[in-house]
Amino acid sequence: MTKQMKGYPAKFDREDDGRYSVFFLGSGMDGCIAYGDDIEDARRNAREALEAYLGYFSDRGSIMPEPEEILGDGIEYIALD
């Protein structure tokens, strides 16, 4: 049986203009952020941001941040395929 990764927690904040800001949460995830014109755009951009962010660690042979379980309003888990 393989362990299923839940994904990285991200906080989706709806801005006053209707757009979304996305901030990844957890140790080592500072600076992994994304934006979107609507929720679907924000989700798509969050996946791209996460892929690039984790790729940075991989390219340098650094230890990647581990996903953490964080609960709260506006939090979604983003996983890479």
C-alpha atoms as a PDB file:
ATOM      1  CA  MET A   1       0.000   0.000   0.000  1.00  0.00           C
ATOM      2  CA  THR A   2       1.380   3.425  -0.924  1.00  0.00           C
ATOM      3  CA  LYS A   3       1.098   6.503   1.211  1.00  0.00           C
ATOM      4  CA  GLN A   4      -1.205   9.044  -0.407  1.00  0.00           C
ATOM      5  CA  MET A   5       0.038  12.621  -0.243  1.00  0.00           C
ATOM      6  CA  LYS A   6      -2.677  15.028   0.777  1.00  0.00           C
ATOM      7  CA  GLY A   7      -0.912  18.032  -0.687  1.00  0.00           C
ATOM      8  CA  TYR A   8       0.408  21.327   0.572  1.00  0.00           C
ATOM      9  CA  PRO A   9      -1.969  23.616   2.486  1.00  0.00           C
ATOM     10  CA  ALA A  10      -2.710  26.952   0.852  1.00  0.00           C
ATOM     11  CA  LYS A  11      -4.817  29.826   2.170  1.00  0.00           C
ATOM     12  CA  PHE A  12      -7.102  31.388  -0.445  1.00  0.00           C
ATOM     13  CA  ASP A  13      -8.022  34.988   0.350  1.00  0.00           C
ATOM     14  CA  ARG A  14     -10.637  36.801  -1.711  1.00  0.00           C
ATOM     15  CA  GLU A  15      -9.603  40.412  -2.184  1.00  0.00           C
ATOM     16  CA  ASP A  16     -11.970  43.403  -2.278  1.00  0.00           C
ATOM     17  CA  ASP A  17     -11.752  43.506  -6.082  1.00  0.00           C
ATOM     18  CA  GLY A  18     -12.863  39.857  -6.357  1.00  0.00           C
ATOM     19  CA  ARG A  19      -9.442  38.467  -7.203  1.00  0.00           C
ATOM     20  CA  TYR A  20      -7.702  35.842  -5.059  1.00  0.00           C
ATOM     21  CA  SER A  21      -4.366  35.734  -3.278  1.00  0.00           C
ATOM     22  CA  VAL A  22      -2.951  32.319  -2.368  1.00  0.00           C
ATOM     23  CA  PHE A  23      -0.368  31.798   0.367  1.00  0.00           C
ATOM     24  CA  PHE A  24       1.144  28.365   1.001  1.00  0.00           C
ATOM     25  CA  LEU A  25       1.418  27.503   4.676  1.00  0.00           C
ATOM     26  CA  GLY A  26       3.848  25.414   6.689  1.00  0.00           C
ATOM     27  CA  SER A  27       7.531  25.241   7.464  1.00  0.00           C
ATOM     28  CA  GLY A  28       9.690  26.217   4.519  1.00  0.00           C
ATOM     29  CA  MET A  29       6.810  27.490   2.403  1.00  0.00           C
ATOM     30  CA  ASP A  30       7.360  31.218   2.971  1.00  0.00           C
ATOM     31  CA  GLY A  31       7.392  32.984  -0.354  1.00  0.00           C
ATOM     32  CA  CYS A  32       5.325  30.430  -2.256  1.00  0.00           C
ATOM     33  CA  ILE A  33       2.400  32.592  -3.331  1.00  0.00           C
ATOM     34  CA  ALA A  34       0.052  32.919  -6.276  1.00  0.00           C
ATOM     35  CA  TYR A  35      -2.785  35.108  -7.489  1.00  0.00           C
ATOM     36  CA  GLY A  36      -5.798  34.655  -9.708  1.00  0.00           C
ATOM     37  CA  ASP A  37      -8.632  36.640 -11.277  1.00  0.00           C
ATOM     38  CA  ASP A  38     -11.129  34.055  -9.976  1.00  0.00           C
ATOM     39  CA  ILE A  39     -10.972  30.918  -7.818  1.00  0.00           C
ATOM     40  CA  GLU A  40     -10.206  28.564 -10.723  1.00  0.00           C
ATOM     41  CA  ASP A  41      -7.453  30.842 -12.005  1.00  0.00           C
ATOM     42  CA  ALA A  42      -6.034  31.043  -8.473  1.00  0.00           C
ATOM     43  CA  ARG A  43      -6.051  27.229  -8.123  1.00  0.00           C
ATOM     44  CA  ARG A  44      -4.327  26.794 -11.476  1.00  0.00           C
ATOM     45  CA  ASN A  45      -1.719  29.428 -10.643  1.00  0.00           C
ATOM     46  CA  ALA A  46      -1.211  27.927  -7.167  1.00  0.00           C
ATOM     47  CA  ARG A  47      -0.338  24.553  -8.720  1.00  0.00           C
ATOM     48  CA  GLU A  48       2.150  26.234 -11.051  1.00  0.00           C
ATOM     49  CA  ALA A  49       3.685  28.214  -8.184  1.00  0.00           C
ATOM     50  CA  LEU A  50       4.013  25.073  -6.060  1.00  0.00           C
ATOM     51  CA  GLU A  51       5.637  23.164  -8.917  1.00  0.00           C
ATOM     52  CA  ALA A  52       8.173  25.949  -9.469  1.00  0.00           C
ATOM     53  CA  TYR A  53       8.827  26.360  -5.747  1.00  0.00           C
ATOM     54  CA  LEU A  54       9.463  22.659  -5.147  1.00  0.00           C
ATOM     55  CA  GLY A  55      11.478  22.493  -8.365  1.00  0.00           C
ATOM     56  CA  TYR A  56      13.826  25.096  -6.902  1.00  0.00           C
ATOM     57  CA  PHE A  57      14.650  22.736  -4.024  1.00  0.00           C
ATOM     58  CA  SER A  58      14.949  19.724  -6.305  1.00  0.00           C
ATOM     59  CA  ASP A  59      17.264  21.479  -8.771  1.00  0.00           C
ATOM     60  CA  ARG A  60      19.654  22.354  -5.954  1.00  0.00           C
ATOM     61  CA  GLY A  61      19.527  18.963  -4.280  1.00  0.00           C
ATOM     62  CA  SER A  62      18.037  20.570  -1.178  1.00  0.00           C
ATOM     63  CA  ILE A  63      15.583  18.941   1.180  1.00  0.00           C
ATOM     64  CA  MET A  64      12.057  19.858   0.124  1.00  0.00           C
ATOM     65  CA  PRO A  65       9.566  21.125   2.675  1.00  0.00           C
ATOM     66  CA  GLU A  66       7.164  18.432   3.845  1.00  0.00           C
ATOM     67  CA  PRO A  67       3.412  19.008   3.592  1.00  0.00           C
ATOM     68  CA  GLU A  68       1.774  19.769   6.930  1.00  0.00           C
ATOM     69  CA  GLU A  69      -1.797  19.408   8.053  1.00  0.00           C
ATOM     70  CA  ILE A  70      -3.209  22.873   8.683  1.00  0.00           C
ATOM     71  CA  LEU A  71      -6.919  23.461   9.074  1.00  0.00           C
ATOM     72  CA  GLY A  72      -8.957  26.644   8.817  1.00  0.00           C
ATOM     73  CA  ASP A  73     -11.269  28.737   6.709  1.00  0.00           C
ATOM     74  CA  GLY A  74     -10.163  29.213   3.119  1.00  0.00           C
ATOM     75  CA  ILE A  75      -7.508  26.484   3.267  1.00  0.00           C
ATOM     76  CA  GLU A  76      -7.258  24.019   0.401  1.00  0.00           C
ATOM     77  CA  TYR A  77      -4.656  21.357  -0.205  1.00  0.00           C
ATOM     78  CA  ILE A  78      -2.736  21.541  -3.470  1.00  0.00           C
ATOM     79  CA  ALA A  79      -0.997  18.419  -4.775  1.00  0.00           C
ATOM     80  CA  LEU A  80       1.074  17.921  -7.870  1.00  0.00           C
ATOM     81  CA  ASP A  81       0.174  15.048 -10.184  1.00  0.00           C
END
